[in-house]
Amino acid sequence: MSEEYETISEDVKELVVARLGVMPLNYKLSMGDEGTFTINELISEVNNNTRVGREVARIQLNFIKALTTGKFIETLNKK
């Protein structure tokens, strides 16, 4: 199945929505040609399994993986 049509599992949706839910409401994220999204719009995109929602979920999961493997701190500590 192509990545374009993959769905976000309910567990991942719940995790991503929880992470987005603690961000300041005035936070906005630019997604290139897709436009700029508010937190509430991003949550809606994730819940509706849109292309933007899947990309936000992928970004969040990659960030969590980087935190748990130590790659995030390693990158921050590079000089």
N, C-alpha and C. Protein backbone atom coordinates (compact mmCIF):
# COMPACT_ATOMS: atom_id res chain seq x y z
N MET A 1 0.85 -1.18 0.00
CA MET A 1 0.00 0.00 0.00
C MET A 1 0.89 1.24 0.00
N SER A 2 0.57 2.23 -0.81
CA SER A 2 1.42 3.41 -0.86
C SER A 2 1.22 4.24 0.39
N GLU A 3 2.27 5.00 0.73
CA GLU A 3 2.23 5.84 1.92
C GLU A 3 1.08 6.84 1.86
N GLU A 4 0.72 7.27 0.66
CA GLU A 4 -0.36 8.25 0.48
C GLU A 4 -1.67 7.76 1.07
N TYR A 5 -1.90 6.45 1.04
CA TYR A 5 -3.20 5.93 1.47
C TYR A 5 -3.16 5.20 2.81
N GLU A 6 -2.00 5.20 3.47
CA GLU A 6 -1.92 4.56 4.77
C GLU A 6 -2.78 5.34 5.77
N THR A 7 -3.33 4.63 6.71
CA THR A 7 -4.12 5.30 7.73
C THR A 7 -3.33 5.40 9.02
N ILE A 8 -3.72 6.34 9.84
CA ILE A 8 -3.10 6.54 11.14
C ILE A 8 -3.86 5.65 12.12
N SER A 9 -3.14 4.81 12.85
CA SER A 9 -3.81 3.95 13.83
C SER A 9 -4.43 4.81 14.93
N GLU A 10 -5.42 4.27 15.59
CA GLU A 10 -6.09 5.01 16.67
C GLU A 10 -5.12 5.34 17.80
N ASP A 11 -4.18 4.44 18.10
CA ASP A 11 -3.20 4.70 19.15
C ASP A 11 -2.30 5.88 18.79
N VAL A 12 -1.87 5.91 17.53
CA VAL A 12 -1.01 7.01 17.08
C VAL A 12 -1.80 8.31 17.06
N LYS A 13 -3.03 8.27 16.59
CA LYS A 13 -3.87 9.48 16.60
C LYS A 13 -3.98 10.03 18.01
N GLU A 14 -4.26 9.14 18.96
CA GLU A 14 -4.42 9.56 20.35
C GLU A 14 -3.14 10.21 20.88
N LEU A 15 -1.99 9.61 20.58
CA LEU A 15 -0.71 10.14 21.03
C LEU A 15 -0.43 11.51 20.40
N VAL A 16 -0.61 11.61 19.09
CA VAL A 16 -0.32 12.85 18.38
C VAL A 16 -1.27 13.96 18.82
N VAL A 17 -2.55 13.65 18.95
CA VAL A 17 -3.53 14.65 19.39
C VAL A 17 -3.19 15.12 20.81
N ALA A 18 -2.76 14.21 21.68
CA ALA A 18 -2.37 14.60 23.04
C ALA A 18 -1.17 15.53 23.02
N ARG A 19 -0.19 15.22 22.17
CA ARG A 19 0.99 16.10 22.08
C ARG A 19 0.61 17.47 21.52
N LEU A 20 -0.23 17.48 20.49
CA LEU A 20 -0.67 18.76 19.93
C LEU A 20 -1.50 19.54 20.94
N GLY A 21 -2.27 18.84 21.75
CA GLY A 21 -3.16 19.47 22.71
C GLY A 21 -2.46 20.26 23.80
N VAL A 22 -1.18 20.01 24.03
CA VAL A 22 -0.46 20.76 25.06
C VAL A 22 0.31 21.94 24.48
N MET A 23 0.23 22.13 23.18
CA MET A 23 0.90 23.27 22.55
C MET A 23 0.05 24.52 22.73
N PRO A 24 0.70 25.68 22.75
CA PRO A 24 -0.07 26.93 22.87
C PRO A 24 -1.06 27.08 21.72
N LEU A 25 -2.25 27.57 22.02
CA LEU A 25 -3.28 27.70 20.99
C LEU A 25 -2.91 28.67 19.88
N ASN A 26 -2.00 29.59 20.16
CA ASN A 26 -1.59 30.54 19.11
C ASN A 26 -0.47 29.99 18.22
N TYR A 27 -0.03 28.75 18.48
CA TYR A 27 1.00 28.09 17.68
C TYR A 27 0.43 27.79 16.29
N LYS A 28 1.24 28.03 15.27
CA LYS A 28 0.86 27.70 13.91
C LYS A 28 2.03 26.97 13.26
N LEU A 29 1.70 26.06 12.36
CA LEU A 29 2.71 25.28 11.66
C LEU A 29 2.51 25.43 10.17
N SER A 30 3.57 25.83 9.48
CA SER A 30 3.53 25.93 8.03
C SER A 30 3.93 24.59 7.44
N MET A 31 3.09 24.10 6.54
CA MET A 31 3.34 22.81 5.89
C MET A 31 3.59 23.02 4.40
N GLY A 32 4.46 23.97 4.09
CA GLY A 32 4.83 24.22 2.70
C GLY A 32 3.65 24.59 1.84
N ASP A 33 3.48 23.89 0.72
CA ASP A 33 2.40 24.18 -0.23
C ASP A 33 1.01 23.91 0.35
N GLU A 34 0.94 23.13 1.43
CA GLU A 34 -0.35 22.80 2.04
C GLU A 34 -0.94 23.97 2.81
N GLY A 35 -0.10 24.91 3.25
CA GLY A 35 -0.58 26.08 3.97
C GLY A 35 -0.12 26.09 5.41
N THR A 36 -0.69 27.00 6.17
CA THR A 36 -0.39 27.17 7.58
C THR A 36 -1.59 26.72 8.39
N PHE A 37 -1.32 25.99 9.47
CA PHE A 37 -2.38 25.37 10.25
C PHE A 37 -2.27 25.76 11.72
N THR A 38 -3.42 25.99 12.36
CA THR A 38 -3.48 26.20 13.80
C THR A 38 -3.46 24.83 14.48
N ILE A 39 -3.32 24.83 15.78
CA ILE A 39 -3.34 23.58 16.53
C ILE A 39 -4.65 22.83 16.30
N ASN A 40 -5.77 23.54 16.40
CA ASN A 40 -7.07 22.89 16.20
C ASN A 40 -7.20 22.32 14.79
N GLU A 41 -6.68 23.02 13.80
CA GLU A 41 -6.72 22.50 12.43
C GLU A 41 -5.84 21.27 12.29
N LEU A 42 -4.67 21.28 12.94
CA LEU A 42 -3.78 20.11 12.88
C LEU A 42 -4.44 18.90 13.54
N ILE A 43 -5.08 19.12 14.67
CA ILE A 43 -5.79 18.02 15.34
C ILE A 43 -6.87 17.46 14.42
N SER A 44 -7.59 18.33 13.77
CA SER A 44 -8.64 17.90 12.84
C SER A 44 -8.04 17.11 11.67
N GLU A 45 -6.92 17.57 11.15
CA GLU A 45 -6.25 16.87 10.04
C GLU A 45 -5.81 15.47 10.47
N VAL A 46 -5.28 15.35 11.68
CA VAL A 46 -4.87 14.04 12.18
C VAL A 46 -6.09 13.14 12.35
N ASN A 47 -7.12 13.66 12.99
CA ASN A 47 -8.33 12.86 13.23
C ASN A 47 -9.01 12.43 11.93
N ASN A 48 -8.90 13.24 10.89
CA ASN A 48 -9.53 12.92 9.60
C ASN A 48 -8.61 12.16 8.66
N ASN A 49 -7.40 11.83 9.13
CA ASN A 49 -6.45 11.02 8.35
C ASN A 49 -6.14 11.62 6.98
N THR A 50 -6.00 12.95 6.94
CA THR A 50 -5.65 13.60 5.68
C THR A 50 -4.15 13.47 5.43
N ARG A 51 -3.73 13.89 4.26
CA ARG A 51 -2.30 13.85 3.95
C ARG A 51 -1.51 14.68 4.96
N VAL A 52 -2.01 15.87 5.29
CA VAL A 52 -1.35 16.72 6.28
C VAL A 52 -1.34 16.02 7.64
N GLY A 53 -2.45 15.42 8.02
CA GLY A 53 -2.53 14.72 9.30
C GLY A 53 -1.54 13.57 9.39
N ARG A 54 -1.41 12.81 8.31
CA ARG A 54 -0.44 11.70 8.29
C ARG A 54 0.99 12.22 8.39
N GLU A 55 1.26 13.34 7.75
CA GLU A 55 2.61 13.93 7.81
C GLU A 55 2.91 14.44 9.22
N VAL A 56 1.94 15.08 9.85
CA VAL A 56 2.12 15.56 11.22
C VAL A 56 2.37 14.37 12.15
N ALA A 57 1.62 13.29 11.97
CA ALA A 57 1.82 12.09 12.78
C ALA A 57 3.22 11.52 12.55
N ARG A 58 3.65 11.47 11.30
CA ARG A 58 4.99 10.95 10.99
C ARG A 58 6.07 11.80 11.66
N ILE A 59 5.92 13.12 11.60
CA ILE A 59 6.89 14.04 12.21
C ILE A 59 6.93 13.82 13.72
N GLN A 60 5.76 13.74 14.34
CA GLN A 60 5.70 13.54 15.79
C GLN A 60 6.34 12.21 16.19
N LEU A 61 6.05 11.15 15.45
CA LEU A 61 6.64 9.85 15.77
C LEU A 61 8.15 9.85 15.60
N ASN A 62 8.64 10.52 14.56
CA ASN A 62 10.09 10.62 14.37
C ASN A 62 10.74 11.39 15.51
N PHE A 63 10.07 12.44 15.99
CA PHE A 63 10.60 13.22 17.11
C PHE A 63 10.66 12.35 18.37
N ILE A 64 9.59 11.62 18.64
CA ILE A 64 9.56 10.75 19.82
C ILE A 64 10.67 9.69 19.72
N LYS A 65 10.85 9.12 18.55
CA LYS A 65 11.93 8.13 18.36
C LYS A 65 13.29 8.76 18.61
N ALA A 66 13.48 9.97 18.13
CA ALA A 66 14.76 10.66 18.34
C ALA A 66 14.99 10.92 19.83
N LEU A 67 13.94 11.26 20.55
CA LEU A 67 14.08 11.47 22.00
C LEU A 67 14.44 10.19 22.72
N THR A 68 13.75 9.11 22.37
CA THR A 68 13.94 7.85 23.10
C THR A 68 15.24 7.15 22.77
N THR A 69 15.79 7.40 21.59
CA THR A 69 17.05 6.75 21.22
C THR A 69 18.27 7.60 21.58
N GLY A 70 18.05 8.83 21.99
CA GLY A 70 19.16 9.72 22.34
C GLY A 70 19.69 10.52 21.17
N LYS A 71 19.14 10.31 19.97
CA LYS A 71 19.63 11.03 18.79
C LYS A 71 19.34 12.53 18.88
N PHE A 72 18.24 12.89 19.53
CA PHE A 72 17.90 14.30 19.66
C PHE A 72 18.95 15.03 20.49
N ILE A 73 19.31 14.48 21.65
CA ILE A 73 20.32 15.09 22.51
C ILE A 73 21.68 15.07 21.83
N GLU A 74 21.97 13.98 21.14
CA GLU A 74 23.23 13.86 20.41
C GLU A 74 23.36 14.99 19.39
N THR A 75 22.27 15.25 18.67
CA THR A 75 22.25 16.31 17.65
C THR A 75 22.42 17.68 18.31
N LEU A 76 21.75 17.89 19.43
CA LEU A 76 21.88 19.17 20.14
C LEU A 76 23.29 19.41 20.66
N ASN A 77 23.97 18.34 21.04
CA ASN A 77 25.31 18.46 21.62
C ASN A 77 26.42 18.58 20.59
N LYS A 78 26.11 18.38 19.31
CA LYS A 78 27.14 18.49 18.28
C LYS A 78 27.60 19.93 18.17
N LYS A 79 28.89 20.08 17.96
CA LYS A 79 29.45 21.44 17.83
C LYS A 79 29.90 21.71 16.44
